[in-house]
């Protein structure tokens, strides 16, 4: 029983030490995803916050509702009036863009 608790203590300590670096990488990924969003003209059609176009849906709260797999499919294949970006974006750009979109969780205004 004592070994079990010491194992849990070690695992908890490892998570506490590793967590800050994981958060830093995640923030870096989201920041790069925002750059990808802007560099590829997404704001021409989509609103983000109070900025952008209205041709496509407002993406300010997309991270609250859309699943990452659905985001990936929409971005890669396009459809519903959106062009496909599968051949435009590099795999890491796509991953970072999805990380950014998942972080967009603004509540809709009433």
PDB file of N, CA and C in Angstrom:
ATOM      1  N   UNK A   1       0.821  -1.177   0.000  1.00  0.00           N
ATOM      2  CA  UNK A   1       0.000   0.000   0.000  1.00  0.00           C
ATOM      3  C   UNK A   1       0.879   1.261   0.000  1.00  0.00           C
ATOM      4  N   UNK A   2       1.968   1.199   0.760  1.00  0.00           N
ATOM      5  CA  UNK A   2       2.872   2.338   0.839  1.00  0.00           C
ATOM      6  C   UNK A   2       3.485   2.628  -0.539  1.00  0.00           C
ATOM      7  N   UNK A   3       3.827   1.567  -1.287  1.00  0.00           N
ATOM      8  CA  UNK A   3       4.394   1.756  -2.627  1.00  0.00           C
ATOM      9  C   UNK A   3       3.377   2.413  -3.559  1.00  0.00           C
ATOM     10  N   UNK A   4       2.122   2.060  -3.404  1.00  0.00           N
ATOM     11  CA  UNK A   4       1.058   2.629  -4.234  1.00  0.00           C
ATOM     12  C   UNK A   4       0.991   4.143  -4.039  1.00  0.00           C
ATOM     13  N   UNK A   5       0.995   4.592  -2.783  1.00  0.00           N
ATOM     14  CA  UNK A   5       0.916   6.023  -2.501  1.00  0.00           C
ATOM     15  C   UNK A   5       2.170   6.770  -2.931  1.00  0.00           C
ATOM     16  N   UNK A   6       3.325   6.148  -2.779  1.00  0.00           N
ATOM     17  CA  UNK A   6       4.542   6.820  -3.225  1.00  0.00           C
ATOM     18  C   UNK A   6       4.550   6.921  -4.755  1.00  0.00           C
ATOM     19  N   UNK A   7       3.978   5.934  -5.436  1.00  0.00           N
ATOM     20  CA  UNK A   7       3.848   6.003  -6.899  1.00  0.00           C
ATOM     21  C   UNK A   7       2.921   7.122  -7.317  1.00  0.00           C
ATOM     22  N   UNK A   8       1.812   7.283  -6.592  1.00  0.00           N
ATOM     23  CA  UNK A   8       0.883   8.379  -6.886  1.00  0.00           C
ATOM     24  C   UNK A   8       1.541   9.734  -6.629  1.00  0.00           C
ATOM     25  N   UNK A   9       2.303   9.820  -5.558  1.00  0.00           N
ATOM     26  CA  UNK A   9       3.001  11.052  -5.238  1.00  0.00           C
ATOM     27  C   UNK A   9       3.995  11.400  -6.348  1.00  0.00           C
ATOM     28  N   UNK A  10       4.740  10.416  -6.823  1.00  0.00           N
ATOM     29  CA  UNK A  10       5.701  10.631  -7.902  1.00  0.00           C
ATOM     30  C   UNK A  10       4.990  11.073  -9.180  1.00  0.00           C
ATOM     31  N   UNK A  11       3.873  10.415  -9.504  1.00  0.00           N
ATOM     32  CA  UNK A  11       3.121  10.769 -10.714  1.00  0.00           C
ATOM     33  C   UNK A  11       2.584  12.191 -10.616  1.00  0.00           C
ATOM     34  N   UNK A  12       2.061  12.568  -9.450  1.00  0.00           N
ATOM     35  CA  UNK A  12       1.553  13.920  -9.261  1.00  0.00           C
ATOM     36  C   UNK A  12       2.644  14.957  -9.371  1.00  0.00           C
ATOM     37  N   UNK A  13       3.810  14.656  -8.824  1.00  0.00           N
ATOM     38  CA  UNK A  13       4.944  15.557  -8.897  1.00  0.00           C
ATOM     39  C   UNK A  13       5.406  15.734 -10.338  1.00  0.00           C
ATOM     40  N   UNK A  14       5.428  14.640 -11.084  1.00  0.00           N
ATOM     41  CA  UNK A  14       5.828  14.693 -12.488  1.00  0.00           C
ATOM     42  C   UNK A  14       4.875  15.584 -13.282  1.00  0.00           C
ATOM     43  N   UNK A  15       3.577  15.425 -13.059  1.00  0.00           N
ATOM     44  CA  UNK A  15       2.587  16.237 -13.771  1.00  0.00           C
ATOM     45  C   UNK A  15       2.759  17.706 -13.414  1.00  0.00           C
ATOM     46  N   UNK A  16       2.980  18.004 -12.146  1.00  0.00           N
ATOM     47  CA  UNK A  16       3.142  19.396 -11.716  1.00  0.00           C
ATOM     48  C   UNK A  16       4.382  20.036 -12.336  1.00  0.00           C
ATOM     49  N   UNK A  17       5.437  19.279 -12.482  1.00  0.00           N
ATOM     50  CA  UNK A  17       6.667  19.812 -13.066  1.00  0.00           C
ATOM     51  C   UNK A  17       6.541  19.937 -14.581  1.00  0.00           C
ATOM     52  N   UNK A  18       5.915  18.981 -15.236  1.00  0.00           N
ATOM     53  CA  UNK A  18       5.810  18.968 -16.697  1.00  0.00           C
ATOM     54  C   UNK A  18       4.747  19.927 -17.215  1.00  0.00           C
ATOM     55  N   UNK A  19       3.746  20.252 -16.417  1.00  0.00           N
ATOM     56  CA  UNK A  19       2.620  21.060 -16.877  1.00  0.00           C
ATOM     57  C   UNK A  19       3.019  22.428 -17.424  1.00  0.00           C
ATOM     58  N   UNK A  20       3.892  23.208 -16.770  1.00  0.00           N
ATOM     59  CA  UNK A  20       4.212  24.524 -17.323  1.00  0.00           C
ATOM     60  C   UNK A  20       4.796  24.479 -18.727  1.00  0.00           C
ATOM     61  N   UNK A  21       5.643  23.509 -19.018  1.00  0.00           N
ATOM     62  CA  UNK A  21       6.212  23.435 -20.363  1.00  0.00           C
ATOM     63  C   UNK A  21       5.156  23.027 -21.377  1.00  0.00           C
ATOM     64  N   UNK A  22       4.206  22.173 -20.972  1.00  0.00           N
ATOM     65  CA  UNK A  22       3.128  21.792 -21.877  1.00  0.00           C
ATOM     66  C   UNK A  22       2.248  22.993 -22.182  1.00  0.00           C
ATOM     67  N   UNK A  23       1.979  23.835 -21.182  1.00  0.00           N
ATOM     68  CA  UNK A  23       1.178  25.026 -21.414  1.00  0.00           C
ATOM     69  C   UNK A  23       1.897  26.006 -22.321  1.00  0.00           C
ATOM     70  N   UNK A  24       3.186  26.141 -22.157  1.00  0.00           N
ATOM     71  CA  UNK A  24       3.957  27.054 -22.998  1.00  0.00           C
ATOM     72  C   UNK A  24       3.904  26.614 -24.456  1.00  0.00           C
ATOM     73  N   UNK A  25       4.057  25.333 -24.706  1.00  0.00           N
ATOM     74  CA  UNK A  25       3.996  24.828 -26.079  1.00  0.00           C
ATOM     75  C   UNK A  25       2.606  25.062 -26.654  1.00  0.00           C
ATOM     76  N   UNK A  26       1.586  24.867 -25.841  1.00  0.00           N
ATOM     77  CA  UNK A  26       0.224  25.056 -26.290  1.00  0.00           C
ATOM     78  C   UNK A  26      -0.038  26.522 -26.640  1.00  0.00           C
ATOM     79  N   UNK A  27       0.463  27.431 -25.838  1.00  0.00           N
ATOM     80  CA  UNK A  27       0.293  28.860 -26.119  1.00  0.00           C
ATOM     81  C   UNK A  27       1.019  29.237 -27.407  1.00  0.00           C
ATOM     82  N   UNK A  28       2.215  28.711 -27.579  1.00  0.00           N
ATOM     83  CA  UNK A  28       2.986  28.956 -28.794  1.00  0.00           C
ATOM     84  C   UNK A  28       2.232  28.438 -30.012  1.00  0.00           C
ATOM     85  N   UNK A  29       1.650  27.270 -29.875  1.00  0.00           N
ATOM     86  CA  UNK A  29       0.884  26.669 -30.963  1.00  0.00           C
ATOM     87  C   UNK A  29      -0.332  27.539 -31.294  1.00  0.00           C
ATOM     88  N   UNK A  30      -1.033  28.005 -30.275  1.00  0.00           N
ATOM     89  CA  UNK A  30      -2.207  28.866 -30.503  1.00  0.00           C
ATOM     90  C   UNK A  30      -1.801  30.196 -31.151  1.00  0.00           C
ATOM     91  N   UNK A  31      -0.693  30.764 -30.682  1.00  0.00           N
ATOM     92  CA  UNK A  31      -0.221  32.021 -31.266  1.00  0.00           C
ATOM     93  C   UNK A  31       0.116  31.841 -32.747  1.00  0.00           C
ATOM     94  N   UNK A  32       0.775  30.740 -33.069  1.00  0.00           N
ATOM     95  CA  UNK A  32       1.096  30.466 -34.475  1.00  0.00           C
ATOM     96  C   UNK A  32      -0.184  30.227 -35.267  1.00  0.00           C
ATOM     97  N   UNK A  33      -1.149  29.542 -34.674  1.00  0.00           N
ATOM     98  CA  UNK A  33      -2.432  29.309 -35.333  1.00  0.00           C
ATOM     99  C   UNK A  33      -3.158  30.599 -35.658  1.00  0.00           C
ATOM    100  N   UNK A  34      -3.069  31.585 -34.756  1.00  0.00           N
ATOM    101  CA  UNK A  34      -3.669  32.896 -35.015  1.00  0.00           C
ATOM    102  C   UNK A  34      -2.971  33.573 -36.197  1.00  0.00           C
ATOM    103  N   UNK A  35      -1.661  33.417 -36.287  1.00  0.00           N
ATOM    104  CA  UNK A  35      -0.913  33.971 -37.417  1.00  0.00           C
ATOM    105  C   UNK A  35      -1.344  33.302 -38.723  1.00  0.00           C
ATOM    106  N   UNK A  36      -1.530  31.980 -38.687  1.00  0.00           N
ATOM    107  CA  UNK A  36      -1.984  31.237 -39.868  1.00  0.00           C
ATOM    108  C   UNK A  36      -3.371  31.728 -40.278  1.00  0.00           C
ATOM    109  N   UNK A  37      -4.249  31.923 -39.303  1.00  0.00           N
ATOM    110  CA  UNK A  37      -5.607  32.415 -39.549  1.00  0.00           C
ATOM    111  C   UNK A  37      -5.555  33.753 -40.291  1.00  0.00           C
ATOM    112  N   UNK A  38      -4.733  34.658 -39.786  1.00  0.00           N
ATOM    113  CA  UNK A  38      -4.634  35.990 -40.395  1.00  0.00           C
ATOM    114  C   UNK A  38      -3.921  35.964 -41.738  1.00  0.00           C
ATOM    115  N   UNK A  39      -2.854  35.197 -41.840  1.00  0.00           N
ATOM    116  CA  UNK A  39      -2.051  35.162 -43.068  1.00  0.00           C
ATOM    117  C   UNK A  39      -2.805  34.544 -44.246  1.00  0.00           C
ATOM    118  N   UNK A  40      -3.773  33.689 -43.966  1.00  0.00           N
ATOM    119  CA  UNK A  40      -4.498  33.015 -45.042  1.00  0.00           C
ATOM    120  C   UNK A  40      -5.830  33.680 -45.364  1.00  0.00           C
ATOM    121  N   UNK A  41      -6.028  34.881 -44.849  1.00  0.00           N
ATOM    122  CA  UNK A  41      -7.202  35.667 -45.225  1.00  0.00           C
ATOM    123  C   UNK A  41      -8.511  35.201 -44.630  1.00  0.00           C
ATOM    124  N   UNK A  42      -8.474  34.466 -43.545  1.00  0.00           N
ATOM    125  CA  UNK A  42      -9.709  33.950 -42.943  1.00  0.00           C
ATOM    126  C   UNK A  42     -10.646  35.077 -42.506  1.00  0.00           C
ATOM    127  N   UNK A  43     -10.065  36.221 -42.116  1.00  0.00           N
ATOM    128  CA  UNK A  43     -10.883  37.353 -41.679  1.00  0.00           C
ATOM    129  C   UNK A  43     -11.653  38.008 -42.822  1.00  0.00           C
ATOM    130  N   UNK A  44     -11.323  37.680 -44.054  1.00  0.00           N
ATOM    131  CA  UNK A  44     -12.090  38.227 -45.176  1.00  0.00           C
ATOM    132  C   UNK A  44     -13.525  37.706 -45.139  1.00  0.00           C
ATOM    133  N   UNK A  45     -13.693  36.491 -44.669  1.00  0.00           N
ATOM    134  CA  UNK A  45     -15.025  35.882 -44.647  1.00  0.00           C
ATOM    135  C   UNK A  45     -15.571  35.657 -43.234  1.00  0.00           C
ATOM    136  N   UNK A  46     -14.698  35.459 -42.274  1.00  0.00           N
ATOM    137  CA  UNK A  46     -15.125  35.107 -40.915  1.00  0.00           C
ATOM    138  C   UNK A  46     -14.872  36.244 -39.939  1.00  0.00           C
ATOM    139  N   UNK A  47     -15.801  36.415 -39.012  1.00  0.00           N
ATOM    140  CA  UNK A  47     -15.635  37.369 -37.922  1.00  0.00           C
ATOM    141  C   UNK A  47     -14.948  36.668 -36.772  1.00  0.00           C
ATOM    142  N   UNK A  48     -14.024  37.407 -36.148  1.00  0.00           N
ATOM    143  CA  UNK A  48     -13.359  36.931 -34.946  1.00  0.00           C
ATOM    144  C   UNK A  48     -13.386  38.114 -33.985  1.00  0.00           C
ATOM    145  N   UNK A  49     -14.156  37.990 -32.923  1.00  0.00           N
ATOM    146  CA  UNK A  49     -14.360  39.135 -32.040  1.00  0.00           C
ATOM    147  C   UNK A  49     -15.227  40.149 -32.756  1.00  0.00           C
ATOM    148  N   UNK A  50     -14.737  41.362 -32.879  1.00  0.00           N
ATOM    149  CA  UNK A  50     -15.477  42.423 -33.568  1.00  0.00           C
ATOM    150  C   UNK A  50     -14.875  42.747 -34.923  1.00  0.00           C
ATOM    151  N   UNK A  51     -14.023  41.857 -35.441  1.00  0.00           N
ATOM    152  CA  UNK A  51     -13.299  42.117 -36.679  1.00  0.00           C
ATOM    153  C   UNK A  51     -13.589  41.020 -37.689  1.00  0.00           C
ATOM    154  N   UNK A  52     -13.652  41.395 -38.941  1.00  0.00           N
ATOM    155  CA  UNK A  52     -13.750  40.398 -40.003  1.00  0.00           C
ATOM    156  C   UNK A  52     -15.011  40.510 -40.821  1.00  0.00           C
ATOM    157  N   UNK A  53     -15.113  39.589 -41.760  1.00  0.00           N
ATOM    158  CA  UNK A  53     -16.226  39.567 -42.697  1.00  0.00           C
ATOM    159  C   UNK A  53     -17.415  38.789 -42.173  1.00  0.00           C
ATOM    160  N   UNK A  54     -18.490  38.853 -42.951  1.00  0.00           N
ATOM    161  CA  UNK A  54     -19.727  38.178 -42.558  1.00  0.00           C
ATOM    162  C   UNK A  54     -20.171  37.133 -43.583  1.00  0.00           C
ATOM    163  N   UNK A  55     -19.330  36.875 -44.552  1.00  0.00           N
ATOM    164  CA  UNK A  55     -19.683  35.886 -45.591  1.00  0.00           C
ATOM    165  C   UNK A  55     -19.743  34.472 -44.995  1.00  0.00           C
ATOM    166  N   UNK A  56     -18.798  34.173 -44.112  1.00  0.00           N
ATOM    167  CA  UNK A  56     -18.781  32.887 -43.424  1.00  0.00           C
ATOM    168  C   UNK A  56     -19.252  33.064 -41.991  1.00  0.00           C
ATOM    169  N   UNK A  57     -19.365  31.976 -41.247  1.00  0.00           N
ATOM    170  CA  UNK A  57     -19.838  32.083 -39.870  1.00  0.00           C
ATOM    171  C   UNK A  57     -18.855  32.822 -38.963  1.00  0.00           C
ATOM    172  N   UNK A  58     -19.404  33.416 -37.917  1.00  0.00           N
ATOM    173  CA  UNK A  58     -18.612  34.039 -36.871  1.00  0.00           C
ATOM    174  C   UNK A  58     -17.908  32.918 -36.109  1.00  0.00           C
ATOM    175  N   UNK A  59     -16.591  32.992 -36.004  1.00  0.00           N
ATOM    176  CA  UNK A  59     -15.819  31.927 -35.365  1.00  0.00           C
ATOM    177  C   UNK A  59     -15.374  32.277 -33.939  1.00  0.00           C
ATOM    178  N   UNK A  60     -15.895  33.357 -33.397  1.00  0.00           N
ATOM    179  CA  UNK A  60     -15.473  33.813 -32.066  1.00  0.00           C
ATOM    180  C   UNK A  60     -15.662  32.752 -30.987  1.00  0.00           C
ATOM    181  N   UNK A  61     -16.690  31.938 -31.096  1.00  0.00           N
ATOM    182  CA  UNK A  61     -16.963  30.918 -30.086  1.00  0.00           C
ATOM    183  C   UNK A  61     -16.877  29.497 -30.618  1.00  0.00           C
ATOM    184  N   UNK A  62     -16.204  29.309 -31.745  1.00  0.00           N
ATOM    185  CA  UNK A  62     -16.139  27.998 -32.405  1.00  0.00           C
ATOM    186  C   UNK A  62     -15.574  26.910 -31.500  1.00  0.00           C
ATOM    187  N   UNK A  63     -14.668  27.276 -30.612  1.00  0.00           N
ATOM    188  CA  UNK A  63     -14.057  26.292 -29.725  1.00  0.00           C
ATOM    189  C   UNK A  63     -15.018  25.731 -28.702  1.00  0.00           C
ATOM    190  N   UNK A  64     -16.165  26.377 -28.522  1.00  0.00           N
ATOM    191  CA  UNK A  64     -17.180  25.889 -27.581  1.00  0.00           C
ATOM    192  C   UNK A  64     -18.068  24.825 -28.207  1.00  0.00           C
ATOM    193  N   UNK A  65     -18.155  24.806 -29.521  1.00  0.00           N
ATOM    194  CA  UNK A  65     -19.148  23.937 -30.162  1.00  0.00           C
ATOM    195  C   UNK A  65     -18.583  22.904 -31.131  1.00  0.00           C
ATOM    196  N   UNK A  66     -17.571  23.259 -31.892  1.00  0.00           N
ATOM    197  CA  UNK A  66     -17.075  22.359 -32.946  1.00  0.00           C
ATOM    198  C   UNK A  66     -16.014  21.399 -32.423  1.00  0.00           C
ATOM    199  N   UNK A  67     -16.071  20.199 -32.903  1.00  0.00           N
ATOM    200  CA  UNK A  67     -15.067  19.174 -32.578  1.00  0.00           C
ATOM    201  C   UNK A  67     -13.850  19.378 -33.477  1.00  0.00           C
ATOM    202  N   UNK A  68     -12.654  19.068 -32.967  1.00  0.00           N
ATOM    203  CA  UNK A  68     -11.440  19.234 -33.782  1.00  0.00           C
ATOM    204  C   UNK A  68     -11.501  18.497 -35.117  1.00  0.00           C
ATOM    205  N   UNK A  69     -12.094  17.304 -35.131  1.00  0.00           N
ATOM    206  CA  UNK A  69     -12.179  16.524 -36.376  1.00  0.00           C
ATOM    207  C   UNK A  69     -13.044  17.243 -37.408  1.00  0.00           C
ATOM    208  N   UNK A  70     -14.135  17.865 -36.944  1.00  0.00           N
ATOM    209  CA  UNK A  70     -15.014  18.604 -37.853  1.00  0.00           C
ATOM    210  C   UNK A  70     -14.307  19.849 -38.383  1.00  0.00           C
ATOM    211  N   UNK A  71     -13.548  20.517 -37.513  1.00  0.00           N
ATOM    212  CA  UNK A  71     -12.780  21.687 -37.951  1.00  0.00           C
ATOM    213  C   UNK A  71     -11.788  21.287 -39.034  1.00  0.00           C
ATOM    214  N   UNK A  72     -11.054  20.215 -38.769  1.00  0.00           N
ATOM    215  CA  UNK A  72     -10.037  19.737 -39.722  1.00  0.00           C
ATOM    216  C   UNK A  72     -10.676  19.427 -41.074  1.00  0.00           C
ATOM    217  N   UNK A  73     -11.778  18.708 -41.053  1.00  0.00           N
ATOM    218  CA  UNK A  73     -12.453  18.325 -42.297  1.00  0.00           C
ATOM    219  C   UNK A  73     -12.908  19.565 -43.067  1.00  0.00           C
ATOM    220  N   UNK A  74     -13.500  20.531 -42.374  1.00  0.00           N
ATOM    221  CA  UNK A  74     -13.984  21.741 -43.033  1.00  0.00           C
ATOM    222  C   UNK A  74     -12.839  22.537 -43.643  1.00  0.00           C
ATOM    223  N   UNK A  75     -11.745  22.664 -42.895  1.00  0.00           N
ATOM    224  CA  UNK A  75     -10.603  23.441 -43.387  1.00  0.00           C
ATOM    225  C   UNK A  75      -9.942  22.738 -44.573  1.00  0.00           C
ATOM    226  N   UNK A  76      -9.732  21.452 -44.465  1.00  0.00           N
ATOM    227  CA  UNK A  76      -9.035  20.697 -45.512  1.00  0.00           C
ATOM    228  C   UNK A  76      -9.878  20.561 -46.771  1.00  0.00           C
ATOM    229  N   UNK A  77     -11.156  20.187 -46.606  1.00  0.00           N
ATOM    230  CA  UNK A  77     -12.010  19.895 -47.756  1.00  0.00           C
ATOM    231  C   UNK A  77     -12.833  21.084 -48.232  1.00  0.00           C
ATOM    232  N   UNK A  78     -13.031  22.072 -47.353  1.00  0.00           N
ATOM    233  CA  UNK A  78     -13.897  23.195 -47.702  1.00  0.00           C
ATOM    234  C   UNK A  78     -15.340  22.754 -47.761  1.00  0.00           C
ATOM    235  N   UNK A  79     -16.131  23.479 -48.516  1.00  0.00           N
ATOM    236  CA  UNK A  79     -17.552  23.169 -48.645  1.00  0.00           C
ATOM    237  C   UNK A  79     -18.396  24.211 -47.942  1.00  0.00           C
ATOM    238  N   UNK A  80     -19.688  24.225 -48.257  1.00  0.00           N
ATOM    239  CA  UNK A  80     -20.622  25.211 -47.693  1.00  0.00           C
ATOM    240  C   UNK A  80     -20.145  26.627 -48.008  1.00  0.00           C
ATOM    241  N   UNK A  81     -19.608  26.827 -49.203  1.00  0.00           N
ATOM    242  CA  UNK A  81     -19.137  28.134 -49.635  1.00  0.00           C
ATOM    243  C   UNK A  81     -17.701  28.456 -49.254  1.00  0.00           C
ATOM    244  N   UNK A  82     -17.036  27.576 -48.530  1.00  0.00           N
ATOM    245  CA  UNK A  82     -15.656  27.825 -48.113  1.00  0.00           C
ATOM    246  C   UNK A  82     -14.697  27.067 -49.024  1.00  0.00           C
ATOM    247  N   UNK A  83     -13.623  27.721 -49.465  1.00  0.00           N
ATOM    248  CA  UNK A  83     -12.640  27.000 -50.274  1.00  0.00           C
ATOM    249  C   UNK A  83     -11.855  25.997 -49.422  1.00  0.00           C
ATOM    250  N   UNK A  84     -11.317  24.993 -50.079  1.00  0.00           N
ATOM    251  CA  UNK A  84     -10.488  23.989 -49.398  1.00  0.00           C
ATOM    252  C   UNK A  84      -9.086  24.543 -49.185  1.00  0.00           C
ATOM    253  N   UNK A  85      -8.541  24.295 -47.999  1.00  0.00           N
ATOM    254  CA  UNK A  85      -7.190  24.737 -47.679  1.00  0.00           C
ATOM    255  C   UNK A  85      -6.241  23.565 -47.461  1.00  0.00           C
ATOM    256  N   UNK A  86      -6.676  22.359 -47.806  1.00  0.00           N
ATOM    257  CA  UNK A  86      -5.859  21.168 -47.598  1.00  0.00           C
ATOM    258  C   UNK A  86      -4.527  21.200 -48.326  1.00  0.00           C
ATOM    259  N   UNK A  87      -4.498  21.799 -49.495  1.00  0.00           N
ATOM    260  CA  UNK A  87      -3.248  21.862 -50.257  1.00  0.00           C
ATOM    261  C   UNK A  87      -2.490  23.168 -50.012  1.00  0.00           C
ATOM    262  N   UNK A  88      -3.078  24.056 -49.234  1.00  0.00           N
ATOM    263  CA  UNK A  88      -2.459  25.352 -48.943  1.00  0.00           C
ATOM    264  C   UNK A  88      -1.652  25.297 -47.652  1.00  0.00           C
ATOM    265  N   UNK A  89      -2.199  24.625 -46.651  1.00  0.00           N
ATOM    266  CA  UNK A  89      -1.578  24.603 -45.319  1.00  0.00           C
ATOM    267  C   UNK A  89      -0.670  23.397 -45.130  1.00  0.00           C
ATOM    268  N   UNK A  90       0.440  23.623 -44.471  1.00  0.00           N
ATOM    269  CA  UNK A  90       1.334  22.535 -44.058  1.00  0.00           C
ATOM    270  C   UNK A  90       0.681  21.828 -42.852  1.00  0.00           C
ATOM    271  N   UNK A  91       1.019  20.566 -42.605  1.00  0.00           N
ATOM    272  CA  UNK A  91       0.402  19.847 -41.482  1.00  0.00           C
ATOM    273  C   UNK A  91       0.533  20.569 -40.134  1.00  0.00           C
ATOM    274  N   UNK A  92       1.698  21.149 -39.852  1.00  0.00           N
ATOM    275  CA  UNK A  92       1.858  21.850 -38.575  1.00  0.00           C
ATOM    276  C   UNK A  92       1.020  23.131 -38.535  1.00  0.00           C
ATOM    277  N   UNK A  93       0.844  23.783 -39.679  1.00  0.00           N
ATOM    278  CA  UNK A  93      -0.004  24.968 -39.728  1.00  0.00           C
ATOM    279  C   UNK A  93      -1.458  24.605 -39.456  1.00  0.00           C
ATOM    280  N   UNK A  94      -1.894  23.503 -40.023  1.00  0.00           N
ATOM    281  CA  UNK A  94      -3.254  23.033 -39.806  1.00  0.00           C
ATOM    282  C   UNK A  94      -3.474  22.687 -38.332  1.00  0.00           C
ATOM    283  N   UNK A  95      -2.530  21.972 -37.730  1.00  0.00           N
ATOM    284  CA  UNK A  95      -2.631  21.618 -36.310  1.00  0.00           C
ATOM    285  C   UNK A  95      -2.691  22.869 -35.440  1.00  0.00           C
ATOM    286  N   UNK A  96      -1.841  23.846 -35.740  1.00  0.00           N
ATOM    287  CA  UNK A  96      -1.800  25.072 -34.954  1.00  0.00           C
ATOM    288  C   UNK A  96      -3.061  25.907 -35.153  1.00  0.00           C
ATOM    289  N   UNK A  97      -3.568  25.938 -36.372  1.00  0.00           N
ATOM    290  CA  UNK A  97      -4.805  26.660 -36.648  1.00  0.00           C
ATOM    291  C   UNK A  97      -5.956  26.052 -35.851  1.00  0.00           C
ATOM    292  N   UNK A  98      -6.025  24.748 -35.817  1.00  0.00           N
ATOM    293  CA  UNK A  98      -7.087  24.083 -35.049  1.00  0.00           C
ATOM    294  C   UNK A  98      -6.911  24.351 -33.555  1.00  0.00           C
ATOM    295  N   UNK A  99      -5.671  24.344 -33.062  1.00  0.00           N
ATOM    296  CA  UNK A  99      -5.427  24.678 -31.656  1.00  0.00           C
ATOM    297  C   UNK A  99      -5.926  26.091 -31.356  1.00  0.00           C
ATOM    298  N   UNK A 100      -5.666  27.014 -32.267  1.00  0.00           N
ATOM    299  CA  UNK A 100      -6.136  28.384 -32.092  1.00  0.00           C
ATOM    300  C   UNK A 100      -7.663  28.438 -32.089  1.00  0.00           C
ATOM    301  N   UNK A 101      -8.294  27.814 -33.073  1.00  0.00           N
ATOM    302  CA  UNK A 101      -9.752  27.841 -33.155  1.00  0.00           C
ATOM    303  C   UNK A 101     -10.399  27.189 -31.931  1.00  0.00           C
ATOM    304  N   UNK A 102      -9.780  26.137 -31.427  1.00  0.00           N
ATOM    305  CA  UNK A 102     -10.303  25.489 -30.213  1.00  0.00           C
ATOM    306  C   UNK A 102     -10.222  26.404 -29.007  1.00  0.00           C
ATOM    307  N   UNK A 103      -9.306  27.367 -29.030  1.00  0.00           N
ATOM    308  CA  UNK A 103      -9.172  28.298 -27.908  1.00  0.00           C
ATOM    309  C   UNK A 103     -10.163  29.456 -28.006  1.00  0.00           C
ATOM    310  N   UNK A 104     -10.847  29.590 -29.117  1.00  0.00           N
ATOM    311  CA  UNK A 104     -11.810  30.674 -29.316  1.00  0.00           C
ATOM    312  C   UNK A 104     -13.151  30.263 -28.723  1.00  0.00           C
ATOM    313  N   UNK A 105     -13.416  30.744 -27.519  1.00  0.00           N
ATOM    314  CA  UNK A 105     -14.597  30.287 -26.783  1.00  0.00           C
ATOM    315  C   UNK A 105     -15.465  31.430 -26.279  1.00  0.00           C
ATOM    316  N   UNK A 106     -15.501  32.530 -27.021  1.00  0.00           N
ATOM    317  CA  UNK A 106     -16.326  33.678 -26.614  1.00  0.00           C
ATOM    318  C   UNK A 106     -17.787  33.247 -26.577  1.00  0.00           C
ATOM    319  N   UNK A 107     -18.485  33.717 -25.574  1.00  0.00           N
ATOM    320  CA  UNK A 107     -19.915  33.439 -25.477  1.00  0.00           C
ATOM    321  C   UNK A 107     -20.664  34.344 -26.443  1.00  0.00           C
ATOM    322  N   UNK A 108     -21.722  33.813 -27.078  1.00  0.00           N
ATOM    323  CA  UNK A 108     -22.481  34.649 -28.011  1.00  0.00           C
ATOM    324  C   UNK A 108     -23.131  35.814 -27.286  1.00  0.00           C
ATOM    325  N   UNK A 109     -23.181  36.949 -27.961  1.00  0.00           N
ATOM    326  CA  UNK A 109     -23.831  38.129 -27.386  1.00  0.00           C
ATOM    327  C   UNK A 109     -25.334  38.014 -27.561  1.00  0.00           C
ATOM    328  N   UNK A 110     -26.040  38.453 -26.566  1.00  0.00           N
ATOM    329  CA  UNK A 110     -27.516  38.396 -26.623  1.00  0.00           C
ATOM    330  C   UNK A 110     -28.104  39.693 -27.068  1.00  0.00           C
TER     331      UNK A 110
END
